Amino acid sequence: MPILSYPEADTPPPLRAQVLALQDEAWPPGDVPSSGPSHDPGLDPLSMLLTDEHGTVLAALAILRKDLTHAGHRLRAGGLSTVVTLRAERGQGHGRRLVGAARESMASYGIDLGLFTCDRPLRAFYERAGWRELPGAVVVGGTPDAPFPSDGAGFDKVTMAAFFTPAARAARPTLRGARIALYPGTVDRLW
């Protein structure tokens, strides 16, 4: 089963329509746009799709990217967003395969640090795909004027990470247990 990658804006329309249908199936209306781009173009979104031999999208995700400065370390950060598997295909390893492939490809996209949050019950899923929890870390999304922290009221999130470069590995001790000011903006408030 091939894994295809496209800048989100360049995803072929038939595949993009399938991704939007998967997102509509997985999330309540309004959580993800049902047409047009799902992500802020300023975050350089990259769509990754796992398809079957007929071109049916079985699983999809986006990699979002931006520069991050934390405790004097400048890093190119990348995170996963809108990870979804076709309901009828869940439990067959498609999502784990795609999430693992995304982690493996991030360094080739110039990303130093893979960083994202997920609901606590999904931690084991991401760990099986090679990600590791960053203990005690809180990602602060939104903007400096309207922060949106991953430890906000009603959230039960964990922060997942991967350290791809020597620069990221040098920053690792400063990220554990830290509040990480990612600030991806108002569209992708917390990736």
Protein backbone atom coordinates (compact mmCIF):
# COMPACT_ATOMS: atom_id res chain seq x y z
CA MET A 1 0.00 0.00 0.00
CA PRO A 2 1.59 3.23 -1.12
CA ILE A 3 2.09 6.29 1.05
CA LEU A 4 1.71 9.50 -0.92
CA SER A 5 2.91 12.95 0.18
CA TYR A 6 1.85 16.33 -1.16
CA PRO A 7 1.91 19.92 0.01
CA GLU A 8 -1.68 20.22 1.25
CA ALA A 9 -2.58 22.80 -1.40
CA ASP A 10 -1.28 20.49 -4.16
CA THR A 11 -3.10 17.33 -3.10
CA PRO A 12 -4.98 16.06 -6.16
CA PRO A 13 -8.68 16.97 -5.83
CA PRO A 14 -10.00 13.37 -5.85
CA LEU A 15 -7.64 12.42 -3.01
CA ARG A 16 -8.36 15.66 -1.14
CA ALA A 17 -12.10 14.92 -1.33
CA GLN A 18 -11.47 11.50 0.24
CA VAL A 19 -9.39 13.06 3.04
CA LEU A 20 -12.15 15.56 3.79
CA ALA A 21 -14.71 12.72 3.86
CA LEU A 22 -12.53 10.80 6.35
CA GLN A 23 -12.28 13.88 8.54
CA ASP A 24 -16.05 14.43 8.37
CA GLU A 25 -16.55 10.80 9.41
CA ALA A 26 -14.19 11.13 12.39
CA TRP A 27 -14.93 14.57 13.85
CA PRO A 28 -17.99 16.67 14.57
CA PRO A 29 -18.90 19.29 11.95
CA GLY A 30 -16.86 22.44 12.35
CA ASP A 31 -13.82 20.78 13.99
CA VAL A 32 -12.02 20.58 10.64
CA PRO A 33 -12.98 22.60 7.53
CA SER A 34 -15.09 20.49 5.15
CA SER A 35 -13.65 22.20 2.07
CA GLY A 36 -10.49 24.06 1.18
CA PRO A 37 -7.33 23.73 3.23
CA SER A 38 -7.63 22.19 6.69
CA HIS A 39 -4.53 23.96 7.97
CA ASP A 40 -2.91 27.38 8.08
CA PRO A 41 -0.76 27.64 4.92
CA GLY A 42 1.85 29.48 7.03
CA LEU A 43 2.55 26.17 8.80
CA ASP A 44 3.67 24.63 5.50
CA PRO A 45 1.23 21.67 5.77
CA LEU A 46 2.21 18.42 4.14
CA SER A 47 -0.49 15.80 3.53
CA MET A 48 0.47 12.13 3.89
CA LEU A 49 -1.98 9.52 2.62
CA LEU A 50 -1.96 5.73 2.84
CA THR A 51 -3.93 4.32 -0.08
CA ASP A 52 -4.89 0.88 -1.27
CA GLU A 53 -4.18 -0.48 -4.76
CA HIS A 54 -7.37 1.16 -6.06
CA GLY A 55 -6.45 4.66 -4.87
CA THR A 56 -8.80 4.62 -1.88
CA VAL A 57 -7.42 6.70 1.00
CA LEU A 58 -7.35 4.41 4.05
CA ALA A 59 -5.54 6.78 6.42
CA ALA A 60 -4.40 10.40 6.29
CA LEU A 61 -2.53 12.94 8.37
CA ALA A 62 -0.85 16.30 8.04
CA ILE A 63 2.61 17.35 9.11
CA LEU A 64 2.69 21.00 10.19
CA ARG A 65 5.99 22.91 10.45
CA LYS A 66 7.28 26.07 12.06
CA ASP A 67 10.33 27.50 13.78
CA LEU A 68 10.44 27.31 17.55
CA THR A 69 12.75 28.97 20.06
CA HIS A 70 12.89 27.42 23.53
CA ALA A 71 15.45 28.11 26.26
CA GLY A 72 17.85 29.57 23.70
CA HIS A 73 17.49 26.68 21.24
CA ARG A 74 16.21 27.50 17.73
CA LEU A 75 14.59 24.47 16.16
CA ARG A 76 12.44 23.63 13.17
CA ALA A 77 9.46 21.87 14.76
CA GLY A 78 7.03 19.59 13.03
CA GLY A 79 3.90 18.01 14.39
CA LEU A 80 1.14 15.67 13.40
CA SER A 81 -2.39 16.89 12.87
CA THR A 82 -5.72 15.45 11.70
CA VAL A 83 -4.56 11.83 11.97
CA VAL A 84 -7.48 9.73 10.76
CA THR A 85 -8.23 6.22 9.47
CA LEU A 86 -11.26 5.15 7.47
CA ARG A 87 -13.69 3.75 10.05
CA ALA A 88 -14.16 0.45 8.16
CA GLU A 89 -10.36 -0.03 8.04
CA ARG A 90 -9.51 0.71 11.69
CA GLY A 91 -7.64 -1.89 13.70
CA GLN A 92 -5.62 -3.15 10.73
CA GLY A 93 -2.44 -1.13 11.38
CA HIS A 94 -2.95 1.46 8.64
CA GLY A 95 -2.86 4.45 10.99
CA ARG A 96 0.17 3.14 12.87
CA ARG A 97 2.01 2.54 9.59
CA LEU A 98 1.25 6.06 8.37
CA VAL A 99 2.18 7.71 11.69
CA GLY A 100 5.44 5.74 11.74
CA ALA A 101 6.22 6.76 8.16
CA ALA A 102 5.55 10.40 9.05
CA ARG A 103 8.01 10.19 11.95
CA GLU A 104 10.63 8.55 9.76
CA SER A 105 10.26 11.18 7.03
CA MET A 106 10.32 14.29 9.21
CA ALA A 107 14.10 14.67 9.28
CA SER A 108 14.16 14.66 5.46
CA TYR A 109 11.79 17.66 5.58
CA GLY A 110 14.32 19.67 7.60
CA ILE A 111 12.57 19.11 10.93
CA ASP A 112 14.75 19.02 14.04
CA LEU A 113 12.04 18.21 16.57
CA GLY A 114 8.81 16.28 16.15
CA LEU A 115 6.31 17.59 18.70
CA PHE A 116 2.55 17.26 19.10
CA THR A 117 -0.13 16.52 21.65
CA CYS A 118 -2.65 13.72 21.74
CA ASP A 119 -5.40 12.55 24.05
CA ARG A 120 -3.89 10.42 26.82
CA PRO A 121 -5.65 7.20 25.69
CA LEU A 122 -3.87 7.49 22.30
CA ARG A 123 -0.35 7.61 23.80
CA ALA A 124 0.23 3.85 23.34
CA PHE A 125 -0.86 4.05 19.69
CA TYR A 126 1.73 6.74 18.96
CA GLU A 127 4.40 4.92 20.98
CA ARG A 128 3.87 1.80 18.84
CA ALA A 129 4.65 4.03 15.83
CA GLY A 130 7.96 5.17 17.36
CA TRP A 131 6.98 8.37 19.16
CA ARG A 132 7.82 8.92 22.84
CA GLU A 133 6.03 10.87 25.53
CA LEU A 134 7.85 14.02 26.62
CA PRO A 135 7.15 13.79 30.36
CA GLY A 136 5.46 16.77 31.94
CA ALA A 137 5.72 18.93 28.83
CA VAL A 138 2.86 21.26 27.94
CA VAL A 139 2.54 22.67 24.43
CA VAL A 140 1.18 26.20 24.42
CA GLY A 141 -0.70 26.76 21.19
CA GLY A 142 -2.77 29.63 19.90
CA THR A 143 -0.98 32.96 19.89
CA PRO A 144 0.93 34.95 22.54
CA ASP A 145 -2.17 37.16 22.94
CA ALA A 146 -4.57 34.18 23.05
CA PRO A 147 -2.61 31.18 24.37
CA PHE A 148 -4.16 27.73 24.11
CA PRO A 149 -2.25 25.33 26.39
CA SER A 150 -2.49 21.55 26.15
CA ASP A 151 -3.14 21.39 29.92
CA GLY A 152 -6.19 23.64 29.66
CA ALA A 153 -9.45 22.89 31.46
CA GLY A 154 -11.13 19.77 30.14
CA PHE A 155 -8.00 18.46 28.37
CA ASP A 156 -6.26 15.20 29.19
CA LYS A 157 -3.36 15.51 26.78
CA VAL A 158 0.17 14.18 26.63
CA THR A 159 3.00 15.61 24.57
CA MET A 160 4.73 13.28 22.14
CA ALA A 161 8.17 13.93 20.67
CA ALA A 162 10.98 12.69 18.47
CA PHE A 163 14.46 14.21 18.36
CA PHE A 164 15.86 14.04 14.83
CA THR A 165 18.99 16.20 14.93
CA PRO A 166 21.86 16.94 17.29
CA ALA A 167 20.31 20.39 17.91
CA ALA A 168 17.05 18.79 19.05
CA ARG A 169 18.85 16.26 21.22
CA ALA A 170 20.79 19.12 22.86
CA ALA A 171 17.48 20.87 23.63
CA ARG A 172 15.81 17.73 25.02
CA PRO A 173 16.62 18.36 28.71
CA THR A 174 15.09 21.86 28.50
CA LEU A 175 11.85 20.49 27.02
CA ARG A 176 11.04 17.87 29.68
CA GLY A 177 8.49 19.24 32.11
CA ALA A 178 8.47 22.59 30.29
CA ARG A 179 5.80 24.85 28.90
CA ILE A 180 6.73 25.00 25.21
CA ALA A 181 5.53 28.17 23.49
CA LEU A 182 4.74 26.81 20.03
CA TYR A 183 2.06 29.38 19.09
CA PRO A 184 0.94 27.92 15.72
CA GLY A 185 -1.80 30.55 15.35
CA THR A 186 -5.58 30.74 15.34
CA VAL A 187 -6.36 28.05 12.71
CA ASP A 188 -4.27 25.18 14.08
CA ARG A 189 -4.40 26.34 17.66
CA LEU A 190 -2.88 23.14 19.02
CA TRP A 191 -1.46 20.67 16.59
